[in-house]
Amino acid sequence: MKDFFKSSPFRVLLITIVVLLGLIIFTASAGGSFLAGLLGFVSSPMQGIATTVTENVTEFLDLDGMSKDELKSLINSLKDSNAQLQQKLADYESVKQENEQLKIQLDITSQRPENRSIAASVIGRDPNDVFSGFSIDKGTLEGISVGDPVITNRGLVGIVTQAYATTSKVSCLLSEDVKVAAVCIERQESGVITSNIMTASTGLLRFNYLSGDAVLEEGDIVTTSGAGGTYPEGILIGEVKSLEKAENDISKYAVVQPSEDISDVKDVFVIVSFPGKGEGQSGVDLSQQPEGGEDAE
């Protein structure tokens, strides 16, 4: 205890008490005006702010004299207004997305006016599909049919393998069932784009059946060749990452990075008509077309 009276905290406490006693004595002699003024100086700004806010809220809502039922009615009215605003925002976003699709479609059409395409949106993905296939919101009623190529403004994505009245299923380039006749124009090398479970897991493609003396380099562009009539000519597929020797040790193949992130596609365009369509058949298994005309879930 003796140590406490000698400690620094005790000295601070003692000085504080002395100062407070001095203020009390001074205030008493001054009629309390100094302490009142000091408190007023501190509290007045806060009182002013509180008063202003209260007056503004009261003026805005005019809550004075409102009954409980009237307050409930006001709250419900505000909820309705909020719901209407949210709906308008949703409609705006929908129109905005549609406008973006139309702009992209116009750009694609201007580049390839001979090809006719239909805009569509991805509406579902099968989590068990390791090849990133998906469903779109357009079908046979819009003119889409099995075998129609599917693209984005960045390049080829896949092909329609099931078509229903109002929806369709798309198999992507990563699928083992999809094969695309392709070409690297600058190197005068042609071959076939394929994939399998190994390459699909890394999001890459194989450009197979290249000649044994092929000299493709990283960054070379690969496009559709148009051979076989399944895909239109000149659609971008991707770019070369590396050139490898094939397992048979005779030919070569190139590892290709798709130009589009297939696993994250949200909006696509289905090419329903192009010059040379159907003149041959190139490497896609169309036997998945279901019997009957009901939509897939």
Protein backbone atom coordinates (compact mmCIF):
# COMPACT_ATOMS: atom_id res chain seq x y z
CA MET A 1 0.00 0.00 0.00
CA LYS A 2 2.84 2.37 0.83
CA ASP A 3 4.26 1.72 -2.61
CA PHE A 4 0.97 2.77 -4.23
CA PHE A 5 1.07 6.23 -2.60
CA LYS A 6 4.56 6.67 -4.01
CA SER A 7 3.68 5.44 -7.50
CA SER A 8 3.15 7.55 -10.64
CA PRO A 9 -0.57 6.63 -11.05
CA PHE A 10 -1.31 7.92 -7.56
CA ARG A 11 0.45 11.19 -8.32
CA VAL A 12 -1.54 11.63 -11.52
CA LEU A 13 -4.78 10.90 -9.67
CA LEU A 14 -3.87 13.41 -6.96
CA ILE A 15 -3.08 16.13 -9.50
CA THR A 16 -6.38 15.45 -11.30
CA ILE A 17 -8.35 15.78 -8.06
CA VAL A 18 -6.62 19.06 -7.25
CA VAL A 19 -7.36 20.48 -10.69
CA LEU A 20 -11.04 19.47 -10.48
CA LEU A 21 -11.37 21.04 -7.02
CA GLY A 22 -9.82 24.23 -8.39
CA LEU A 23 -12.32 24.29 -11.25
CA ILE A 24 -15.22 23.76 -8.85
CA ILE A 25 -14.08 26.59 -6.57
CA PHE A 26 -13.48 28.91 -9.54
CA THR A 27 -16.86 28.07 -11.06
CA ALA A 28 -18.64 28.69 -7.78
CA SER A 29 -17.03 32.09 -7.45
CA ALA A 30 -17.94 32.95 -11.06
CA GLY A 31 -21.55 31.96 -10.60
CA GLY A 32 -21.20 28.74 -12.59
CA SER A 33 -20.90 30.63 -15.86
CA PHE A 34 -17.48 29.25 -16.82
CA LEU A 35 -18.38 25.55 -16.43
CA ALA A 36 -21.70 26.04 -18.16
CA GLY A 37 -20.00 27.84 -21.02
CA LEU A 38 -17.40 25.07 -21.31
CA LEU A 39 -20.07 22.38 -21.43
CA GLY A 40 -22.10 24.43 -23.89
CA PHE A 41 -19.05 24.85 -26.13
CA VAL A 42 -18.62 21.07 -26.31
CA SER A 43 -22.28 20.05 -26.57
CA SER A 44 -23.73 22.76 -28.82
CA PRO A 45 -22.29 21.49 -32.13
CA MET A 46 -23.54 17.96 -31.41
CA GLN A 47 -26.98 19.26 -30.47
CA GLY A 48 -27.08 21.30 -33.66
CA ILE A 49 -26.22 18.31 -35.83
CA ALA A 50 -28.78 16.07 -34.11
CA THR A 51 -31.48 18.71 -34.45
CA THR A 52 -30.75 19.25 -38.15
CA VAL A 53 -30.83 15.52 -38.94
CA THR A 54 -34.05 15.03 -36.99
CA GLU A 55 -35.74 17.97 -38.71
CA ASN A 56 -34.67 16.75 -42.18
CA VAL A 57 -35.91 13.21 -41.59
CA THR A 58 -39.17 14.46 -40.11
CA GLU A 59 -39.64 16.87 -43.00
CA PHE A 60 -38.91 14.12 -45.55
CA LEU A 61 -41.13 11.45 -44.07
CA ASP A 62 -43.56 13.66 -42.14
CA LEU A 63 -43.84 11.01 -39.42
CA ASP A 64 -45.42 13.34 -36.85
CA GLY A 65 -48.83 12.12 -35.93
CA MET A 66 -48.72 8.96 -38.08
CA SER A 67 -50.44 5.93 -36.67
CA LYS A 68 -48.97 2.43 -36.52
CA ASP A 69 -51.10 1.34 -39.48
CA GLU A 70 -50.00 4.36 -41.49
CA LEU A 71 -46.35 3.56 -40.77
CA LYS A 72 -46.88 -0.05 -41.91
CA SER A 73 -48.53 1.22 -45.07
CA LEU A 74 -45.59 3.55 -45.71
CA ILE A 75 -43.11 0.69 -45.23
CA ASN A 76 -45.04 -1.57 -47.62
CA SER A 77 -45.17 1.23 -50.18
CA LEU A 78 -41.40 1.70 -49.94
CA LYS A 79 -40.90 -2.06 -50.33
CA ASP A 80 -43.06 -2.05 -53.47
CA SER A 81 -41.10 0.87 -54.90
CA ASN A 82 -37.84 -0.91 -54.16
CA ALA A 83 -39.09 -4.09 -55.90
CA GLN A 84 -40.09 -2.08 -58.97
CA LEU A 85 -36.66 -0.42 -59.10
CA GLN A 86 -34.95 -3.81 -58.83
CA GLN A 87 -37.08 -5.14 -61.69
CA LYS A 88 -36.21 -2.10 -63.82
CA LEU A 89 -32.52 -2.71 -63.06
CA ALA A 90 -32.87 -6.37 -64.07
CA ASP A 91 -34.63 -5.34 -67.30
CA TYR A 92 -31.89 -2.81 -67.97
CA GLU A 93 -29.17 -5.44 -67.51
CA SER A 94 -31.04 -7.82 -69.82
CA VAL A 95 -31.35 -5.15 -72.54
CA LYS A 96 -27.71 -4.19 -72.03
CA GLN A 97 -26.62 -7.83 -72.49
CA GLU A 98 -28.80 -8.16 -75.59
CA ASN A 99 -27.29 -4.98 -77.05
CA GLU A 100 -23.79 -6.31 -76.41
CA GLN A 101 -24.71 -9.55 -78.18
CA LEU A 102 -26.09 -7.64 -81.15
CA LYS A 103 -22.95 -5.50 -81.38
CA ILE A 104 -20.74 -8.60 -81.37
CA GLN A 105 -23.02 -10.32 -83.90
CA LEU A 106 -22.85 -7.26 -86.14
CA ASP A 107 -19.06 -7.34 -85.92
CA ILE A 108 -18.97 -11.07 -86.75
CA THR A 109 -21.41 -10.56 -89.62
CA SER A 110 -19.37 -7.69 -91.04
CA GLN A 111 -16.28 -9.90 -91.05
CA ARG A 112 -18.05 -12.93 -92.52
CA PRO A 113 -21.26 -11.66 -94.19
CA GLU A 114 -21.68 -15.01 -95.97
CA ASN A 115 -22.29 -16.77 -92.63
CA ARG A 116 -25.67 -16.46 -90.87
CA SER A 117 -25.62 -16.81 -87.08
CA ILE A 118 -28.02 -16.72 -84.14
CA ALA A 119 -27.12 -15.30 -80.71
CA ALA A 120 -27.66 -17.58 -77.72
CA SER A 121 -26.82 -17.71 -74.02
CA VAL A 122 -25.44 -20.56 -71.94
CA ILE A 123 -28.15 -21.77 -69.56
CA GLY A 124 -26.57 -24.83 -67.99
CA ARG A 125 -23.48 -26.96 -67.57
CA ASP A 126 -23.20 -30.57 -66.49
CA PRO A 127 -20.75 -30.61 -63.55
CA ASN A 128 -19.87 -34.20 -64.44
CA ASP A 129 -18.88 -33.29 -68.00
CA VAL A 130 -15.08 -33.04 -67.93
CA PHE A 131 -15.14 -31.65 -71.49
CA SER A 132 -17.02 -28.44 -70.49
CA GLY A 133 -20.11 -29.04 -72.66
CA PHE A 134 -23.11 -26.80 -72.06
CA SER A 135 -26.74 -26.06 -72.98
CA ILE A 136 -27.99 -22.92 -74.72
CA ASP A 137 -31.37 -21.20 -74.78
CA LYS A 138 -32.08 -21.54 -78.51
CA GLY A 139 -33.24 -24.57 -80.50
CA THR A 140 -34.96 -25.81 -83.61
CA LEU A 141 -37.70 -23.18 -83.43
CA GLU A 142 -34.96 -20.59 -84.03
CA GLY A 143 -33.51 -22.58 -86.92
CA ILE A 144 -30.73 -24.35 -85.01
CA SER A 145 -29.94 -27.95 -85.95
CA VAL A 146 -27.48 -30.68 -85.07
CA GLY A 147 -24.09 -30.03 -86.61
CA ASP A 148 -24.23 -26.23 -86.43
CA PRO A 149 -20.88 -24.71 -85.38
CA VAL A 150 -20.83 -22.61 -82.20
CA ILE A 151 -18.52 -19.59 -81.87
CA THR A 152 -17.86 -16.43 -79.87
CA ASN A 153 -16.25 -13.23 -81.10
CA ARG A 154 -12.94 -14.82 -80.03
CA GLY A 155 -13.27 -17.97 -82.08
CA LEU A 156 -14.64 -21.51 -82.38
CA VAL A 157 -16.14 -23.10 -79.26
CA GLY A 158 -17.77 -26.32 -80.43
CA ILE A 159 -20.72 -27.79 -82.27
CA VAL A 160 -24.42 -28.48 -81.61
CA THR A 161 -24.85 -32.18 -80.90
CA GLN A 162 -28.45 -32.19 -79.61
CA ALA A 163 -31.19 -29.82 -80.77
CA TYR A 164 -34.62 -29.49 -79.15
CA ALA A 165 -37.44 -27.01 -79.72
CA THR A 166 -36.16 -24.24 -77.46
CA THR A 167 -32.80 -25.48 -76.20
CA SER A 168 -29.70 -27.19 -77.59
CA LYS A 169 -26.66 -28.98 -76.24
CA VAL A 170 -23.16 -28.09 -77.36
CA SER A 171 -20.11 -30.33 -77.37
CA CYS A 172 -16.96 -28.26 -77.04
CA LEU A 173 -13.59 -28.48 -78.75
CA LEU A 174 -12.30 -30.22 -75.63
CA SER A 175 -14.61 -33.18 -76.26
CA GLU A 176 -13.19 -36.45 -77.54
CA ASP A 177 -16.08 -36.62 -80.03
CA VAL A 178 -15.31 -33.30 -81.72
CA LYS A 179 -12.74 -33.16 -84.53
CA VAL A 180 -12.12 -30.10 -86.66
CA ALA A 181 -10.29 -29.82 -89.96
CA ALA A 182 -7.78 -27.05 -89.33
CA VAL A 183 -4.94 -25.17 -90.96
CA CYS A 184 -2.03 -22.91 -90.09
CA ILE A 185 -2.03 -20.64 -93.13
CA GLU A 186 1.33 -18.96 -92.50
CA ARG A 187 3.09 -22.34 -92.27
CA GLN A 188 1.01 -24.09 -94.95
CA GLU A 189 0.29 -26.93 -92.51
CA SER A 190 -3.08 -28.65 -92.25
CA GLY A 191 -4.34 -31.28 -89.86
CA VAL A 192 -7.12 -32.08 -87.43
CA ILE A 193 -7.87 -30.47 -84.07
CA THR A 194 -8.73 -33.09 -81.43
CA SER A 195 -8.73 -33.48 -77.67
CA ASN A 196 -8.85 -36.20 -75.04
CA ILE A 197 -9.23 -36.54 -71.29
CA MET A 198 -5.61 -35.56 -70.69
CA THR A 199 -5.53 -32.43 -72.84
CA ALA A 200 -9.06 -31.42 -71.78
CA SER A 201 -7.99 -31.41 -68.12
CA THR A 202 -5.49 -28.66 -68.97
CA GLY A 203 -7.81 -26.81 -71.37
CA LEU A 204 -5.58 -27.52 -74.38
CA LEU A 205 -6.04 -29.04 -77.86
CA ARG A 206 -3.97 -31.18 -80.21
CA PHE A 207 -3.31 -30.22 -83.82
CA ASN A 208 -2.70 -33.73 -85.21
CA TYR A 209 -1.42 -35.29 -88.44
CA LEU A 210 1.16 -32.63 -89.25
CA SER A 211 3.95 -33.55 -91.61
CA GLY A 212 7.19 -34.91 -90.21
CA ASP A 213 9.07 -31.76 -91.27
CA ALA A 214 6.47 -29.30 -89.88
CA VAL A 215 8.04 -26.12 -88.44
CA LEU A 216 5.20 -24.55 -86.47
CA GLU A 217 6.32 -22.11 -83.79
CA GLU A 218 4.81 -20.78 -80.60
CA GLY A 219 2.23 -18.11 -81.36
CA ASP A 220 1.29 -19.40 -84.82
CA ILE A 221 -2.44 -19.04 -85.50
CA VAL A 222 -4.66 -22.06 -86.23
CA THR A 223 -8.05 -21.66 -87.95
CA THR A 224 -10.71 -23.89 -89.47
CA SER A 225 -9.87 -25.01 -93.00
CA GLY A 226 -13.45 -25.53 -94.14
CA ALA A 227 -12.65 -29.04 -95.39
CA GLY A 228 -15.51 -31.48 -94.95
CA GLY A 229 -18.25 -28.85 -94.82
CA THR A 230 -18.86 -29.09 -91.06
CA TYR A 231 -17.23 -25.78 -90.13
CA PRO A 232 -16.91 -22.62 -92.21
CA GLU A 233 -13.46 -21.63 -93.37
CA GLY A 234 -11.32 -19.16 -91.45
CA ILE A 235 -12.81 -19.37 -87.94
CA LEU A 236 -10.11 -18.81 -85.31
CA ILE A 237 -9.36 -21.85 -83.13
CA GLY A 238 -6.29 -20.86 -81.16
CA GLU A 239 -2.54 -20.47 -81.22
CA VAL A 240 0.35 -22.92 -81.06
CA LYS A 241 2.08 -23.41 -77.73
CA SER A 242 4.57 -26.08 -78.74
CA LEU A 243 5.41 -28.61 -81.47
CA GLU A 244 5.84 -32.26 -80.45
CA LYS A 245 6.75 -35.52 -82.13
CA ALA A 246 3.80 -37.89 -82.44
CA GLU A 247 3.76 -41.23 -80.69
CA ASN A 248 4.28 -43.08 -83.99
CA ASP A 249 7.53 -41.11 -84.41
CA ILE A 250 6.59 -40.38 -88.03
CA SER A 251 4.38 -37.27 -87.92
CA LYS A 252 4.18 -34.34 -85.52
CA TYR A 253 1.45 -32.61 -83.58
CA ALA A 254 1.12 -29.16 -82.06
CA VAL A 255 -0.27 -28.27 -78.66
CA VAL A 256 -2.83 -25.49 -79.17
CA GLN A 257 -4.24 -23.00 -76.67
CA PRO A 258 -7.90 -22.24 -77.58
CA SER A 259 -8.58 -18.59 -78.30
CA GLU A 260 -11.64 -18.72 -76.03
CA ASP A 261 -11.84 -19.86 -72.40
CA ILE A 262 -14.33 -22.63 -73.17
CA SER A 263 -15.08 -23.45 -69.54
CA ASP A 264 -16.26 -19.89 -68.88
CA VAL A 265 -18.30 -19.10 -72.01
CA LYS A 266 -21.58 -17.28 -71.28
CA ASP A 267 -22.78 -15.98 -74.66
CA VAL A 268 -22.31 -17.67 -78.04
CA PHE A 269 -23.36 -17.51 -81.69
CA VAL A 270 -24.60 -20.53 -83.61
CA ILE A 271 -23.73 -20.49 -87.32
CA VAL A 272 -26.82 -21.89 -88.98
CA SER A 273 -25.79 -21.26 -92.57
CA PHE A 274 -22.49 -20.83 -94.42
CA PRO A 275 -21.13 -21.52 -97.93
CA GLY A 276 -20.26 -25.19 -98.41
CA LYS A 277 -22.21 -26.41 -95.39
CA GLY A 278 -22.97 -30.11 -95.56
CA GLU A 279 -20.76 -30.83 -98.57
CA GLY A 280 -18.92 -33.41 -96.46
CA GLN A 281 -18.79 -34.68 -92.92
CA SER A 282 -15.80 -34.08 -90.68
CA GLY A 283 -15.23 -35.86 -87.45
CA VAL A 284 -18.17 -35.26 -85.14
CA ASP A 285 -20.39 -37.98 -83.80
CA LEU A 286 -23.94 -36.85 -84.52
CA SER A 287 -25.55 -40.03 -83.24
CA GLN A 288 -26.35 -38.25 -79.97
CA GLN A 289 -29.38 -36.59 -81.56
CA PRO A 290 -32.34 -37.80 -79.45
CA GLU A 291 -35.51 -39.22 -80.80
CA GLY A 292 -38.61 -37.11 -80.31
CA GLY A 293 -38.89 -33.38 -80.04
CA GLU A 294 -39.18 -32.60 -76.36
CA ASP A 295 -36.82 -30.13 -74.77
CA ALA A 296 -34.00 -31.30 -72.55
CA GLU A 297 -34.03 -30.24 -68.97
